[in-house]
Each structure stands twice: as C-alpha cells, then as structure tokens.
Amino acid sequence: MEAAGAAAACFGAMNAVARPAGGLASDAVARMFGMRGRLWLLWAVQTVGATLCMLVGRMGAAEASSLAATMAVMVACAVFVQAASGLTFGMLLCSPRCYHAALLFAMLCFLCFAPVLSLL
C-alpha cells in the first residue's frame, strides 16, 4: 500500500513540472512559427502520449513485462498528457476566435481516435 501511495505522489509532482513545461514549449514555438507551430506541437505531443498509452496497455498484456518498465512507460505517458494540457492552456489564452474551432477539432480527433487505435 505504501508503494502505491509513493507511485501516486509521483504523478502529482510530475504534474507540477510537465504542465508548465508544455506552456513554455507552446510559447517558444509560437515565437518561431505562430499558431500553426503550436497546433503541430500539440498534435505531436498528443500522438506521443497516445502511443505510450497503447504501449502501457500492451505491456500489461505481455507476460514478461516488469512492473518497473510498465511504471516508467506510464510516467512517460503521463508527462506527455500533462504537457499537452499545458500546450492547450497556452493556446486558449492568446488565440483569436478563428483558431478555437481548429483547436477544438484537434482535441476531438484525439479523443475519438485514441480509443480506436488502442484496440489495434
């Protein structure tokens, strides 16, 4: 039970680092490429997060996977998911209304297609 509490505490501490890092990455890319760069970075981060999520599912089904390897991949997945949250927050605060539809479309595509991809 103590190990589970320590593992859960890691996610809270990681959230305090990964989400602001996503926002800083969003601002850095926006200086170079504008909103288009932010959207591409959000897509890339969400794609890596979804891929790691599928890998965690596959590792749980494999017989030879260790708990440490599964936890490492799960933490990496959570880092990318939280960074995507920071990226999204950075886009919503400074984007004009015309970009809100594109951002909403990107998030809906991720939410709709990630469960389908995990079945593969």
C-alpha atoms as a PDB file:
ATOM      1  CA  MET A   1       0.000   0.000   0.000  1.00  0.00           C
ATOM      2  CA  GLU A   2       2.879   2.377   0.736  1.00  0.00           C
ATOM      3  CA  ALA A   3       4.390   1.732  -2.701  1.00  0.00           C
ATOM      4  CA  ALA A   4       1.088   2.640  -4.347  1.00  0.00           C
ATOM      5  CA  GLY A   5       0.987   5.905  -2.399  1.00  0.00           C
ATOM      6  CA  ALA A   6       4.521   6.765  -3.464  1.00  0.00           C
ATOM      7  CA  ALA A   7       3.690   5.995  -7.086  1.00  0.00           C
ATOM      8  CA  ALA A   8       0.602   8.206  -6.914  1.00  0.00           C
ATOM      9  CA  ALA A   9       2.616  11.042  -5.371  1.00  0.00           C
ATOM     10  CA  CYS A  10       4.981  10.927  -8.346  1.00  0.00           C
ATOM     11  CA  PHE A  11       2.141  11.869 -10.669  1.00  0.00           C
ATOM     12  CA  GLY A  12       1.254  14.957  -8.630  1.00  0.00           C
ATOM     13  CA  ALA A  13       4.864  16.110  -8.537  1.00  0.00           C
ATOM     14  CA  MET A  14       5.270  15.415 -12.228  1.00  0.00           C
ATOM     15  CA  ASN A  15       2.137  17.427 -12.995  1.00  0.00           C
ATOM     16  CA  ALA A  16       3.721  20.451 -11.319  1.00  0.00           C
ATOM     17  CA  VAL A  17       6.598  20.238 -13.802  1.00  0.00           C
ATOM     18  CA  ALA A  18       5.116  18.841 -17.023  1.00  0.00           C
ATOM     19  CA  ARG A  19       2.133  21.178 -17.388  1.00  0.00           C
ATOM     20  CA  PRO A  20       4.137  24.420 -17.105  1.00  0.00           C
ATOM     21  CA  ALA A  21       6.772  22.888 -19.398  1.00  0.00           C
ATOM     22  CA  GLY A  22       4.049  22.373 -22.010  1.00  0.00           C
ATOM     23  CA  GLY A  23       3.031  26.008 -21.681  1.00  0.00           C
ATOM     24  CA  LEU A  24       6.628  27.186 -22.039  1.00  0.00           C
ATOM     25  CA  ALA A  25       7.098  24.973 -25.087  1.00  0.00           C
ATOM     26  CA  SER A  26       3.905  26.423 -26.540  1.00  0.00           C
ATOM     27  CA  ASP A  27       5.202  29.962 -26.087  1.00  0.00           C
ATOM     28  CA  ALA A  28       8.618  29.111 -27.529  1.00  0.00           C
ATOM     29  CA  VAL A  29       7.133  27.502 -30.631  1.00  0.00           C
ATOM     30  CA  ALA A  30       4.692  30.396 -31.039  1.00  0.00           C
ATOM     31  CA  ARG A  31       7.577  32.859 -31.222  1.00  0.00           C
ATOM     32  CA  MET A  32       9.109  30.906 -34.108  1.00  0.00           C
ATOM     33  CA  PHE A  33       6.094  29.556 -36.017  1.00  0.00           C
ATOM     34  CA  GLY A  34       2.983  31.239 -34.647  1.00  0.00           C
ATOM     35  CA  MET A  35      -0.281  29.426 -34.009  1.00  0.00           C
ATOM     36  CA  ARG A  36       0.421  26.841 -36.695  1.00  0.00           C
ATOM     37  CA  GLY A  37       3.515  25.732 -34.787  1.00  0.00           C
ATOM     38  CA  ARG A  38       1.520  25.465 -31.572  1.00  0.00           C
ATOM     39  CA  LEU A  39      -1.070  23.259 -33.243  1.00  0.00           C
ATOM     40  CA  TRP A  40       1.585  20.993 -34.761  1.00  0.00           C
ATOM     41  CA  LEU A  41       3.358  20.703 -31.421  1.00  0.00           C
ATOM     42  CA  LEU A  42       0.085  19.858 -29.691  1.00  0.00           C
ATOM     43  CA  TRP A  43      -0.596  17.181 -32.292  1.00  0.00           C
ATOM     44  CA  ALA A  44       2.894  15.711 -31.870  1.00  0.00           C
ATOM     45  CA  VAL A  45       2.736  15.669 -28.068  1.00  0.00           C
ATOM     46  CA  GLN A  46      -0.735  14.097 -28.060  1.00  0.00           C
ATOM     47  CA  THR A  47       0.365  11.481 -30.592  1.00  0.00           C
ATOM     48  CA  VAL A  48       3.369  10.501 -28.481  1.00  0.00           C
ATOM     49  CA  GLY A  49       1.146  10.380 -25.389  1.00  0.00           C
ATOM     50  CA  ALA A  50      -1.383   8.141 -27.155  1.00  0.00           C
ATOM     51  CA  THR A  51       1.360   5.859 -28.432  1.00  0.00           C
ATOM     52  CA  LEU A  52       2.798   5.486 -24.945  1.00  0.00           C
ATOM     53  CA  CYS A  53      -0.697   4.828 -23.602  1.00  0.00           C
ATOM     54  CA  MET A  54      -1.141   2.000 -26.104  1.00  0.00           C
ATOM     55  CA  LEU A  55       2.288   0.675 -25.148  1.00  0.00           C
ATOM     56  CA  VAL A  56       1.276   0.572 -21.472  1.00  0.00           C
ATOM     57  CA  GLY A  57      -1.759  -1.485 -22.430  1.00  0.00           C
ATOM     58  CA  ARG A  58       0.377  -3.875 -24.438  1.00  0.00           C
ATOM     59  CA  MET A  59       2.894  -4.194 -21.611  1.00  0.00           C
ATOM     60  CA  GLY A  60       0.163  -5.173 -19.192  1.00  0.00           C
ATOM     61  CA  ALA A  61      -0.927  -7.962 -21.540  1.00  0.00           C
ATOM     62  CA  ALA A  62       2.611  -9.257 -22.065  1.00  0.00           C
ATOM     63  CA  GLU A  63       3.815 -11.975 -19.755  1.00  0.00           C
ATOM     64  CA  ALA A  64       7.438 -10.855 -19.458  1.00  0.00           C
ATOM     65  CA  SER A  65       6.965  -7.155 -18.722  1.00  0.00           C
ATOM     66  CA  SER A  66       8.253  -5.949 -15.380  1.00  0.00           C
ATOM     67  CA  LEU A  67       6.471  -3.577 -13.048  1.00  0.00           C
ATOM     68  CA  ALA A  68       9.355  -1.097 -13.232  1.00  0.00           C
ATOM     69  CA  ALA A  69       9.254  -0.972 -17.043  1.00  0.00           C
ATOM     70  CA  THR A  70       5.481  -0.578 -17.049  1.00  0.00           C
ATOM     71  CA  MET A  71       5.657   2.248 -14.485  1.00  0.00           C
ATOM     72  CA  ALA A  72       8.400   4.007 -16.477  1.00  0.00           C
ATOM     73  CA  VAL A  73       6.308   3.959 -19.651  1.00  0.00           C
ATOM     74  CA  MET A  74       3.222   5.049 -17.716  1.00  0.00           C
ATOM     75  CA  VAL A  75       5.084   8.005 -16.189  1.00  0.00           C
ATOM     76  CA  ALA A  76       6.386   8.991 -19.641  1.00  0.00           C
ATOM     77  CA  CYS A  77       2.815   8.781 -20.972  1.00  0.00           C
ATOM     78  CA  ALA A  78       1.567  10.984 -18.143  1.00  0.00           C
ATOM     79  CA  VAL A  79       4.313  13.544 -18.817  1.00  0.00           C
ATOM     80  CA  PHE A  80       3.168  13.913 -22.414  1.00  0.00           C
ATOM     81  CA  VAL A  81      -0.519  14.070 -21.429  1.00  0.00           C
ATOM     82  CA  GLN A  82       0.158  16.809 -18.876  1.00  0.00           C
ATOM     83  CA  ALA A  83       2.393  18.690 -21.319  1.00  0.00           C
ATOM     84  CA  ALA A  84      -0.478  18.592 -23.825  1.00  0.00           C
ATOM     85  CA  SER A  85      -2.683  20.178 -21.173  1.00  0.00           C
ATOM     86  CA  GLY A  86      -0.166  22.994 -20.770  1.00  0.00           C
ATOM     87  CA  LEU A  87       0.041  23.440 -24.533  1.00  0.00           C
ATOM     88  CA  THR A  88      -3.737  23.666 -24.782  1.00  0.00           C
ATOM     89  CA  PHE A  89      -3.899  26.210 -21.992  1.00  0.00           C
ATOM     90  CA  GLY A  90      -1.255  28.316 -23.735  1.00  0.00           C
ATOM     91  CA  MET A  91      -3.276  28.297 -26.956  1.00  0.00           C
ATOM     92  CA  LEU A  92      -6.633  29.146 -25.471  1.00  0.00           C
ATOM     93  CA  LEU A  93      -5.458  32.242 -23.650  1.00  0.00           C
ATOM     94  CA  CYS A  94      -3.873  34.004 -26.605  1.00  0.00           C
ATOM     95  CA  SER A  95      -5.648  32.719 -29.684  1.00  0.00           C
ATOM     96  CA  PRO A  96      -8.245  34.626 -31.673  1.00  0.00           C
ATOM     97  CA  ARG A  97     -11.655  33.075 -32.177  1.00  0.00           C
ATOM     98  CA  CYS A  98     -10.837  31.619 -35.588  1.00  0.00           C
ATOM     99  CA  TYR A  99      -8.316  29.239 -34.033  1.00  0.00           C
ATOM    100  CA  HIS A 100     -10.717  27.943 -31.383  1.00  0.00           C
ATOM    101  CA  ALA A 101     -12.523  25.779 -33.938  1.00  0.00           C
ATOM    102  CA  ALA A 102      -9.262  24.252 -35.185  1.00  0.00           C
ATOM    103  CA  LEU A 103      -8.143  23.575 -31.620  1.00  0.00           C
ATOM    104  CA  LEU A 104     -11.464  22.011 -30.719  1.00  0.00           C
ATOM    105  CA  PHE A 105     -11.300  19.840 -33.831  1.00  0.00           C
ATOM    106  CA  ALA A 106      -7.779  18.644 -32.943  1.00  0.00           C
ATOM    107  CA  MET A 107      -8.817  17.744 -29.407  1.00  0.00           C
ATOM    108  CA  LEU A 108     -11.958  15.933 -30.583  1.00  0.00           C
ATOM    109  CA  CYS A 109      -9.954  13.927 -33.115  1.00  0.00           C
ATOM    110  CA  PHE A 110      -7.562  12.872 -30.386  1.00  0.00           C
ATOM    111  CA  LEU A 111     -10.389  11.882 -28.047  1.00  0.00           C
ATOM    112  CA  CYS A 112     -12.256   9.963 -30.752  1.00  0.00           C
ATOM    113  CA  PHE A 113      -9.372   8.143 -32.390  1.00  0.00           C
ATOM    114  CA  ALA A 114      -7.173   7.271 -29.381  1.00  0.00           C
ATOM    115  CA  PRO A 115      -9.568   4.567 -28.092  1.00  0.00           C
ATOM    116  CA  VAL A 116      -9.893   3.110 -31.593  1.00  0.00           C
ATOM    117  CA  LEU A 117      -6.119   2.965 -32.024  1.00  0.00           C
ATOM    118  CA  SER A 118      -5.705   1.250 -28.686  1.00  0.00           C
ATOM    119  CA  LEU A 119      -7.758  -1.683 -29.983  1.00  0.00           C
ATOM    120  CA  LEU A 120      -5.213  -2.403 -32.710  1.00  0.00           C
END
